[in-house]
N, C-alpha and C. Protein backbone atom coordinates (compact mmCIF):
# COMPACT_ATOMS: atom_id res chain seq x y z
N UNK A 1 -56.60 106.88 38.24
CA UNK A 1 -56.24 108.17 38.77
C UNK A 1 -54.92 108.06 39.52
N UNK A 2 -54.17 109.14 39.54
CA UNK A 2 -52.90 109.12 40.23
C UNK A 2 -53.10 108.95 41.73
N UNK A 3 -52.26 108.13 42.37
CA UNK A 3 -52.41 107.92 43.81
C UNK A 3 -52.37 109.20 44.62
N UNK A 4 -51.61 110.20 44.21
CA UNK A 4 -51.52 111.45 44.96
C UNK A 4 -52.84 112.20 45.06
N UNK A 5 -53.77 111.91 44.18
CA UNK A 5 -55.05 112.60 44.20
C UNK A 5 -56.01 111.94 45.18
N UNK A 6 -56.01 110.61 45.23
CA UNK A 6 -57.05 109.94 46.01
C UNK A 6 -56.53 109.01 47.09
N UNK A 7 -55.25 108.99 47.36
CA UNK A 7 -54.74 108.04 48.35
C UNK A 7 -54.91 108.59 49.76
N UNK A 8 -56.11 108.41 50.29
CA UNK A 8 -56.41 108.80 51.66
C UNK A 8 -57.19 107.69 52.32
N UNK A 9 -57.44 107.84 53.58
CA UNK A 9 -58.31 106.92 54.31
C UNK A 9 -59.57 107.69 54.68
N UNK A 10 -60.67 106.99 54.99
CA UNK A 10 -61.93 107.70 55.27
C UNK A 10 -61.82 108.75 56.37
N UNK A 11 -60.94 108.57 57.34
CA UNK A 11 -60.82 109.56 58.41
C UNK A 11 -60.10 110.83 57.96
N UNK A 12 -59.58 110.82 56.73
CA UNK A 12 -58.88 112.00 56.18
C UNK A 12 -59.69 112.65 55.06
N UNK A 13 -60.97 112.31 54.95
CA UNK A 13 -61.81 112.82 53.86
C UNK A 13 -63.08 113.46 54.38
N UNK A 14 -63.49 114.51 53.71
CA UNK A 14 -64.83 115.07 53.88
C UNK A 14 -65.49 114.89 52.52
N UNK A 15 -66.59 114.15 52.48
CA UNK A 15 -67.26 113.83 51.23
C UNK A 15 -68.68 114.37 51.27
N UNK A 16 -69.03 115.14 50.24
CA UNK A 16 -70.37 115.67 50.07
C UNK A 16 -70.88 115.21 48.71
N UNK A 17 -72.13 114.80 48.64
CA UNK A 17 -72.70 114.37 47.37
C UNK A 17 -74.07 115.03 47.19
N UNK A 18 -74.43 115.17 45.94
CA UNK A 18 -75.75 115.67 45.61
C UNK A 18 -76.09 115.24 44.19
N UNK A 19 -77.35 114.90 43.98
CA UNK A 19 -77.85 114.65 42.64
C UNK A 19 -78.63 115.89 42.21
N UNK A 20 -78.24 116.43 41.05
CA UNK A 20 -78.90 117.62 40.51
C UNK A 20 -79.62 117.24 39.22
N UNK A 21 -80.68 117.97 38.92
CA UNK A 21 -81.50 117.69 37.73
C UNK A 21 -80.98 118.50 36.54
N UNK A 22 -79.74 118.24 36.19
CA UNK A 22 -79.06 118.94 35.10
C UNK A 22 -78.13 117.97 34.41
N UNK A 23 -78.00 118.09 33.10
CA UNK A 23 -77.09 117.24 32.34
C UNK A 23 -75.65 117.43 32.80
N UNK A 24 -74.89 116.36 32.75
CA UNK A 24 -73.51 116.37 33.24
C UNK A 24 -72.66 117.44 32.56
N UNK A 25 -72.81 117.65 31.26
CA UNK A 25 -72.01 118.64 30.55
C UNK A 25 -72.24 120.05 31.09
N UNK A 26 -73.49 120.35 31.47
CA UNK A 26 -73.80 121.67 32.02
C UNK A 26 -73.23 121.80 33.43
N UNK A 27 -73.32 120.73 34.22
CA UNK A 27 -72.73 120.74 35.56
C UNK A 27 -71.22 120.97 35.45
N UNK A 28 -70.60 120.25 34.54
CA UNK A 28 -69.16 120.41 34.36
C UNK A 28 -68.81 121.85 33.97
N UNK A 29 -69.60 122.44 33.10
CA UNK A 29 -69.36 123.82 32.69
C UNK A 29 -69.48 124.78 33.88
N UNK A 30 -70.44 124.53 34.76
CA UNK A 30 -70.62 125.39 35.93
C UNK A 30 -69.40 125.37 36.84
N UNK A 31 -68.68 124.24 36.84
CA UNK A 31 -67.48 124.09 37.67
C UNK A 31 -66.21 124.57 36.97
N UNK A 32 -66.25 124.70 35.66
CA UNK A 32 -65.00 124.96 34.92
C UNK A 32 -64.98 126.26 34.13
N UNK A 33 -66.10 126.94 34.05
CA UNK A 33 -66.17 128.22 33.37
C UNK A 33 -66.23 129.30 34.44
N UNK A 34 -65.19 130.14 34.54
CA UNK A 34 -65.17 131.12 35.62
C UNK A 34 -66.35 132.08 35.61
N UNK A 35 -66.96 132.32 34.46
CA UNK A 35 -68.13 133.20 34.40
C UNK A 35 -69.29 132.60 35.21
N UNK A 36 -69.36 131.30 35.29
CA UNK A 36 -70.39 130.63 36.10
C UNK A 36 -69.88 130.34 37.51
N UNK A 37 -68.67 129.83 37.61
CA UNK A 37 -68.12 129.43 38.90
C UNK A 37 -68.12 130.57 39.91
N UNK A 38 -67.76 131.76 39.48
CA UNK A 38 -67.71 132.87 40.43
C UNK A 38 -69.08 133.25 40.97
N UNK A 39 -70.15 132.85 40.28
CA UNK A 39 -71.51 133.17 40.73
C UNK A 39 -71.96 132.31 41.91
N UNK A 40 -71.39 131.11 42.05
CA UNK A 40 -71.92 130.22 43.06
C UNK A 40 -70.87 129.67 44.04
N UNK A 41 -69.60 129.85 43.75
CA UNK A 41 -68.58 129.21 44.60
C UNK A 41 -68.58 129.83 45.99
N UNK A 42 -68.67 128.98 47.00
CA UNK A 42 -68.61 129.42 48.38
C UNK A 42 -69.95 129.31 49.08
N UNK A 43 -69.90 129.43 50.41
CA UNK A 43 -71.14 129.33 51.19
C UNK A 43 -72.08 130.49 50.94
N UNK A 44 -73.27 130.38 51.49
CA UNK A 44 -74.30 131.42 51.35
C UNK A 44 -73.75 132.77 51.78
N UNK A 45 -74.03 133.78 50.97
CA UNK A 45 -73.65 135.14 51.30
C UNK A 45 -72.27 135.56 50.83
N UNK A 46 -71.45 134.62 50.38
CA UNK A 46 -70.10 134.95 49.92
C UNK A 46 -70.12 135.38 48.46
N UNK A 47 -69.18 136.25 48.10
CA UNK A 47 -68.95 136.60 46.71
C UNK A 47 -67.47 136.35 46.42
N UNK A 48 -67.11 136.38 45.14
CA UNK A 48 -65.74 136.07 44.73
C UNK A 48 -65.19 137.11 43.78
N UNK A 49 -63.90 137.31 43.88
CA UNK A 49 -63.14 138.04 42.87
C UNK A 49 -62.08 137.08 42.36
N UNK A 50 -62.18 136.71 41.09
CA UNK A 50 -61.20 135.80 40.50
C UNK A 50 -60.07 136.64 39.90
N UNK A 51 -58.85 136.36 40.36
CA UNK A 51 -57.67 137.05 39.84
C UNK A 51 -56.98 136.24 38.75
N UNK A 52 -57.13 134.94 38.79
CA UNK A 52 -56.54 134.06 37.78
C UNK A 52 -57.33 132.77 37.75
N UNK A 53 -57.63 132.28 36.57
CA UNK A 53 -58.29 130.99 36.41
C UNK A 53 -57.71 130.36 35.15
N UNK A 54 -56.58 129.69 35.33
CA UNK A 54 -55.85 129.05 34.23
C UNK A 54 -56.20 127.57 34.26
N UNK A 55 -57.31 127.25 33.60
CA UNK A 55 -57.89 125.91 33.70
C UNK A 55 -57.15 124.91 32.80
N UNK A 56 -56.08 124.38 33.36
CA UNK A 56 -55.30 123.31 32.73
C UNK A 56 -54.50 122.66 33.85
N UNK A 57 -54.07 121.43 33.64
CA UNK A 57 -53.23 120.78 34.64
C UNK A 57 -51.98 121.62 34.83
N UNK A 58 -51.68 121.97 36.07
CA UNK A 58 -50.57 122.86 36.40
C UNK A 58 -50.97 124.32 36.44
N UNK A 59 -52.16 124.64 35.96
CA UNK A 59 -52.64 126.02 35.99
C UNK A 59 -53.10 126.42 37.38
N UNK A 60 -53.14 127.73 37.61
CA UNK A 60 -53.50 128.26 38.92
C UNK A 60 -54.89 128.86 38.91
N UNK A 61 -55.52 128.76 40.08
CA UNK A 61 -56.79 129.42 40.35
C UNK A 61 -56.56 130.27 41.59
N UNK A 62 -56.51 131.58 41.39
CA UNK A 62 -56.32 132.51 42.50
C UNK A 62 -57.56 133.39 42.61
N UNK A 63 -58.11 133.45 43.82
CA UNK A 63 -59.32 134.23 44.01
C UNK A 63 -59.43 134.70 45.46
N UNK A 64 -60.30 135.67 45.65
CA UNK A 64 -60.60 136.18 46.98
C UNK A 64 -62.08 135.91 47.24
N UNK A 65 -62.35 135.24 48.35
CA UNK A 65 -63.74 135.06 48.80
C UNK A 65 -64.04 136.20 49.77
N UNK A 66 -65.13 136.91 49.51
CA UNK A 66 -65.55 138.02 50.35
C UNK A 66 -66.70 137.55 51.24
N UNK A 67 -66.47 137.58 52.54
CA UNK A 67 -67.50 137.14 53.48
C UNK A 67 -68.68 138.08 53.52
N UNK A 68 -69.85 137.59 53.92
CA UNK A 68 -71.06 138.42 53.93
C UNK A 68 -71.01 139.53 54.98
N UNK A 69 -70.33 139.29 56.08
CA UNK A 69 -70.28 140.29 57.15
C UNK A 69 -68.96 141.04 57.15
N UNK A 70 -67.88 140.30 57.05
CA UNK A 70 -66.55 140.90 57.01
C UNK A 70 -65.58 139.84 56.52
N UNK A 71 -64.42 140.29 56.17
CA UNK A 71 -63.37 139.35 55.82
C UNK A 71 -63.24 139.11 54.33
N UNK A 72 -61.99 139.11 53.89
CA UNK A 72 -61.61 138.74 52.54
C UNK A 72 -60.61 137.61 52.66
N UNK A 73 -60.90 136.50 52.01
CA UNK A 73 -60.12 135.28 52.19
C UNK A 73 -59.40 134.93 50.89
N UNK A 74 -58.08 135.09 50.91
CA UNK A 74 -57.25 134.77 49.75
C UNK A 74 -57.20 133.25 49.57
N UNK A 75 -57.34 132.80 48.34
CA UNK A 75 -57.26 131.38 48.01
C UNK A 75 -56.37 131.20 46.80
N UNK A 76 -55.56 130.17 46.83
CA UNK A 76 -54.76 129.82 45.66
C UNK A 76 -54.72 128.30 45.54
N UNK A 77 -54.98 127.83 44.34
CA UNK A 77 -55.03 126.41 44.05
C UNK A 77 -54.28 126.13 42.76
N UNK A 78 -53.90 124.86 42.58
CA UNK A 78 -53.30 124.40 41.33
C UNK A 78 -54.09 123.20 40.83
N UNK A 79 -54.52 123.25 39.58
CA UNK A 79 -55.25 122.13 39.00
C UNK A 79 -54.29 120.95 38.80
N UNK A 80 -54.70 119.77 39.27
CA UNK A 80 -53.83 118.60 39.19
C UNK A 80 -54.39 117.49 38.29
N UNK A 81 -55.69 117.54 38.01
CA UNK A 81 -56.27 116.53 37.10
C UNK A 81 -57.55 117.11 36.52
N UNK A 82 -57.69 116.96 35.21
CA UNK A 82 -58.89 117.42 34.50
C UNK A 82 -59.27 116.32 33.52
N UNK A 83 -60.50 115.85 33.63
CA UNK A 83 -60.98 114.79 32.75
C UNK A 83 -62.43 115.11 32.35
N UNK A 84 -62.60 115.96 31.30
CA UNK A 84 -63.95 116.38 30.89
C UNK A 84 -64.79 115.19 30.44
N UNK A 85 -66.06 115.15 30.74
CA UNK A 85 -66.83 116.03 31.62
C UNK A 85 -67.05 115.40 33.00
N UNK A 86 -66.09 114.58 33.46
CA UNK A 86 -66.36 113.83 34.68
C UNK A 86 -65.52 114.18 35.90
N UNK A 87 -64.43 114.93 35.74
CA UNK A 87 -63.55 115.12 36.89
C UNK A 87 -62.76 116.41 36.82
N UNK A 88 -62.66 117.08 37.96
CA UNK A 88 -61.76 118.21 38.16
C UNK A 88 -61.13 118.01 39.53
N UNK A 89 -59.81 118.13 39.60
CA UNK A 89 -59.13 118.00 40.89
C UNK A 89 -58.10 119.12 41.03
N UNK A 90 -57.97 119.62 42.26
CA UNK A 90 -56.98 120.66 42.51
C UNK A 90 -56.37 120.48 43.89
N UNK A 91 -55.20 121.09 44.02
CA UNK A 91 -54.46 121.14 45.28
C UNK A 91 -54.50 122.57 45.78
N UNK A 92 -54.91 122.76 47.02
CA UNK A 92 -54.84 124.10 47.60
C UNK A 92 -53.40 124.42 47.94
N UNK A 93 -52.99 125.62 47.59
CA UNK A 93 -51.65 126.11 47.91
C UNK A 93 -51.72 126.98 49.16
N UNK A 94 -52.82 127.73 49.28
CA UNK A 94 -53.04 128.55 50.48
C UNK A 94 -53.63 127.66 51.58
N UNK A 95 -53.45 128.09 52.81
CA UNK A 95 -53.96 127.30 53.93
C UNK A 95 -55.46 127.52 54.09
N UNK A 96 -56.18 126.50 54.53
CA UNK A 96 -55.72 125.18 54.89
C UNK A 96 -55.38 124.34 53.65
N UNK A 97 -54.38 123.49 53.79
CA UNK A 97 -53.91 122.67 52.68
C UNK A 97 -54.72 121.38 52.59
N UNK A 98 -55.27 121.12 51.42
CA UNK A 98 -55.94 119.85 51.12
C UNK A 98 -56.11 119.76 49.62
N UNK A 99 -56.49 118.59 49.15
CA UNK A 99 -56.79 118.37 47.74
C UNK A 99 -58.30 118.26 47.58
N UNK A 100 -58.79 118.63 46.42
CA UNK A 100 -60.22 118.52 46.11
C UNK A 100 -60.38 117.64 44.89
N UNK A 101 -61.35 116.77 44.95
CA UNK A 101 -61.71 115.92 43.84
C UNK A 101 -63.21 116.11 43.61
N UNK A 102 -63.57 116.68 42.47
CA UNK A 102 -64.98 116.88 42.11
C UNK A 102 -65.28 115.94 40.94
N UNK A 103 -66.16 114.99 41.20
CA UNK A 103 -66.48 113.97 40.21
C UNK A 103 -67.95 114.10 39.82
N UNK A 104 -68.23 113.97 38.53
CA UNK A 104 -69.58 114.15 38.01
C UNK A 104 -70.00 112.87 37.29
N UNK A 105 -71.02 112.20 37.82
CA UNK A 105 -71.50 110.94 37.25
C UNK A 105 -72.88 111.16 36.63
N UNK A 106 -73.05 110.71 35.40
CA UNK A 106 -74.37 110.80 34.77
C UNK A 106 -75.27 109.74 35.38
N UNK A 107 -76.39 110.18 35.95
CA UNK A 107 -77.40 109.27 36.49
C UNK A 107 -78.39 108.96 35.38
N UNK A 108 -78.89 110.03 34.74
CA UNK A 108 -79.73 109.95 33.54
C UNK A 108 -79.24 111.09 32.65
N UNK A 109 -79.72 111.18 31.42
CA UNK A 109 -79.29 112.30 30.58
C UNK A 109 -79.60 113.68 31.20
N UNK A 110 -80.53 113.76 32.14
CA UNK A 110 -80.90 115.04 32.77
C UNK A 110 -80.60 115.07 34.27
N UNK A 111 -79.85 114.10 34.76
CA UNK A 111 -79.48 114.09 36.18
C UNK A 111 -78.01 113.75 36.33
N UNK A 112 -77.34 114.45 37.26
CA UNK A 112 -75.92 114.24 37.51
C UNK A 112 -75.69 114.10 39.01
N UNK A 113 -74.89 113.12 39.37
CA UNK A 113 -74.47 112.96 40.77
C UNK A 113 -73.12 113.63 40.91
N UNK A 114 -73.03 114.55 41.85
CA UNK A 114 -71.77 115.25 42.15
C UNK A 114 -71.19 114.62 43.41
N UNK A 115 -69.94 114.21 43.33
CA UNK A 115 -69.22 113.70 44.49
C UNK A 115 -68.05 114.66 44.71
N UNK A 116 -68.09 115.36 45.83
CA UNK A 116 -67.11 116.39 46.16
C UNK A 116 -66.32 115.91 47.36
N UNK A 117 -65.03 115.65 47.13
CA UNK A 117 -64.17 115.14 48.21
C UNK A 117 -63.09 116.15 48.54
N UNK A 118 -62.94 116.38 49.82
CA UNK A 118 -61.82 117.18 50.34
C UNK A 118 -60.89 116.18 51.02
N UNK A 119 -59.65 116.10 50.54
CA UNK A 119 -58.72 115.06 50.97
C UNK A 119 -57.57 115.69 51.75
N UNK A 120 -57.37 115.24 52.98
CA UNK A 120 -56.36 115.80 53.88
C UNK A 120 -55.24 114.79 54.12
N UNK A 121 -54.08 115.29 54.48
CA UNK A 121 -52.95 114.41 54.76
C UNK A 121 -53.10 113.66 56.08
N UNK A 122 -53.79 114.27 57.04
CA UNK A 122 -53.97 113.61 58.34
C UNK A 122 -55.42 113.74 58.81
N UNK A 123 -55.82 112.82 59.68
CA UNK A 123 -57.15 112.89 60.27
C UNK A 123 -57.29 114.14 61.13
N UNK A 124 -56.22 114.54 61.80
CA UNK A 124 -56.27 115.74 62.65
C UNK A 124 -56.58 116.98 61.82
N UNK A 125 -55.95 117.12 60.64
CA UNK A 125 -56.23 118.26 59.78
C UNK A 125 -57.67 118.23 59.29
N UNK A 126 -58.14 117.05 58.94
CA UNK A 126 -59.52 116.89 58.47
C UNK A 126 -60.51 117.26 59.57
N UNK A 127 -60.25 116.79 60.78
CA UNK A 127 -61.18 117.02 61.89
C UNK A 127 -61.25 118.48 62.32
N UNK A 128 -60.21 119.27 62.02
CA UNK A 128 -60.25 120.70 62.34
C UNK A 128 -61.34 121.40 61.53
N UNK A 129 -61.50 120.99 60.26
CA UNK A 129 -62.46 121.67 59.38
C UNK A 129 -63.83 121.00 59.32
N UNK A 130 -63.88 119.72 59.59
CA UNK A 130 -65.13 118.96 59.41
C UNK A 130 -66.34 119.60 60.10
N UNK A 131 -66.23 120.10 61.34
CA UNK A 131 -67.43 120.67 61.99
C UNK A 131 -68.03 121.85 61.23
N UNK A 132 -67.23 122.56 60.45
CA UNK A 132 -67.70 123.74 59.74
C UNK A 132 -68.04 123.45 58.29
N UNK A 133 -67.27 122.60 57.68
CA UNK A 133 -67.29 122.44 56.22
C UNK A 133 -68.50 121.68 55.71
N UNK A 134 -68.98 120.71 56.44
CA UNK A 134 -70.07 119.86 55.93
C UNK A 134 -71.29 120.72 55.59
N UNK A 135 -71.72 121.57 56.52
CA UNK A 135 -72.89 122.43 56.24
C UNK A 135 -72.58 123.46 55.16
N UNK A 136 -71.37 123.99 55.16
CA UNK A 136 -70.99 124.99 54.16
C UNK A 136 -70.96 124.38 52.76
N UNK A 137 -70.55 123.12 52.65
CA UNK A 137 -70.59 122.44 51.34
C UNK A 137 -72.02 122.32 50.84
N UNK A 138 -72.95 122.07 51.74
CA UNK A 138 -74.37 122.00 51.34
C UNK A 138 -74.85 123.36 50.84
N UNK A 139 -74.43 124.44 51.51
CA UNK A 139 -74.78 125.79 51.05
C UNK A 139 -74.19 126.04 49.66
N UNK A 140 -72.98 125.56 49.46
CA UNK A 140 -72.33 125.69 48.15
C UNK A 140 -73.13 124.97 47.08
N UNK A 141 -73.57 123.75 47.38
CA UNK A 141 -74.39 123.00 46.43
C UNK A 141 -75.71 123.71 46.16
N UNK A 142 -76.31 124.32 47.19
CA UNK A 142 -77.56 125.08 46.99
C UNK A 142 -77.33 126.21 45.98
N UNK A 143 -76.23 126.92 46.15
CA UNK A 143 -75.90 128.02 45.24
C UNK A 143 -75.62 127.49 43.83
N UNK A 144 -74.96 126.34 43.75
CA UNK A 144 -74.71 125.71 42.45
C UNK A 144 -76.04 125.40 41.75
N UNK A 145 -76.99 124.85 42.48
CA UNK A 145 -78.28 124.52 41.87
C UNK A 145 -78.99 125.77 41.32
N UNK A 146 -78.86 126.89 42.02
CA UNK A 146 -79.43 128.14 41.51
C UNK A 146 -78.77 128.53 40.19
N UNK A 147 -77.45 128.43 40.14
CA UNK A 147 -76.72 128.74 38.90
C UNK A 147 -77.09 127.77 37.78
N UNK A 148 -77.22 126.48 38.11
CA UNK A 148 -77.59 125.49 37.09
C UNK A 148 -78.97 125.78 36.52
N UNK A 149 -79.90 126.21 37.35
CA UNK A 149 -81.25 126.54 36.87
C UNK A 149 -81.18 127.69 35.86
N UNK A 150 -80.33 128.70 36.15
CA UNK A 150 -80.15 129.81 35.20
C UNK A 150 -79.52 129.31 33.90
N UNK A 151 -78.53 128.44 34.01
CA UNK A 151 -77.86 127.92 32.82
C UNK A 151 -78.82 127.07 31.99
N UNK A 152 -79.62 126.25 32.66
CA UNK A 152 -80.58 125.38 31.97
C UNK A 152 -81.64 126.19 31.25
N UNK A 153 -82.05 127.31 31.82
CA UNK A 153 -83.11 128.11 31.21
C UNK A 153 -82.65 128.80 29.94
N UNK A 154 -81.32 128.89 29.75
CA UNK A 154 -80.77 129.53 28.54
C UNK A 154 -80.74 128.56 27.36
N UNK A 155 -80.87 127.28 27.65
CA UNK A 155 -80.81 126.28 26.56
C UNK A 155 -82.05 126.29 25.70
């Protein structure tokens, strides 16, 4: 992998992992098909409006996250690495600035380990978000599992 994607130290990373009972190809599709991604992306109670999802290296992902109580949060990212069905990485263009590395490892043919890394340039930037993001990432994974169950039931 290119050093620009993963060259951080542990104090500059927020790492969340989960093993899901779904085949890796389906997990990858949930992360890369906007028809599925918009259903689960974000913490509990959030919805999304995708304005652009150009899934290729150099392509943009522009969307608005709508908070459950109030607030619309503009997001813009650029895809920097795509390696089906094991890796998707992007750079946030909108603040806060960080890189994301989503890695999918096959545990068994029906189980996938997701490793979700948020990579920051400094420990100070990482520590600003860490108190909020860890629990929100778990909520995101919960929503992903709900979407995966729907996708699995269609097979």
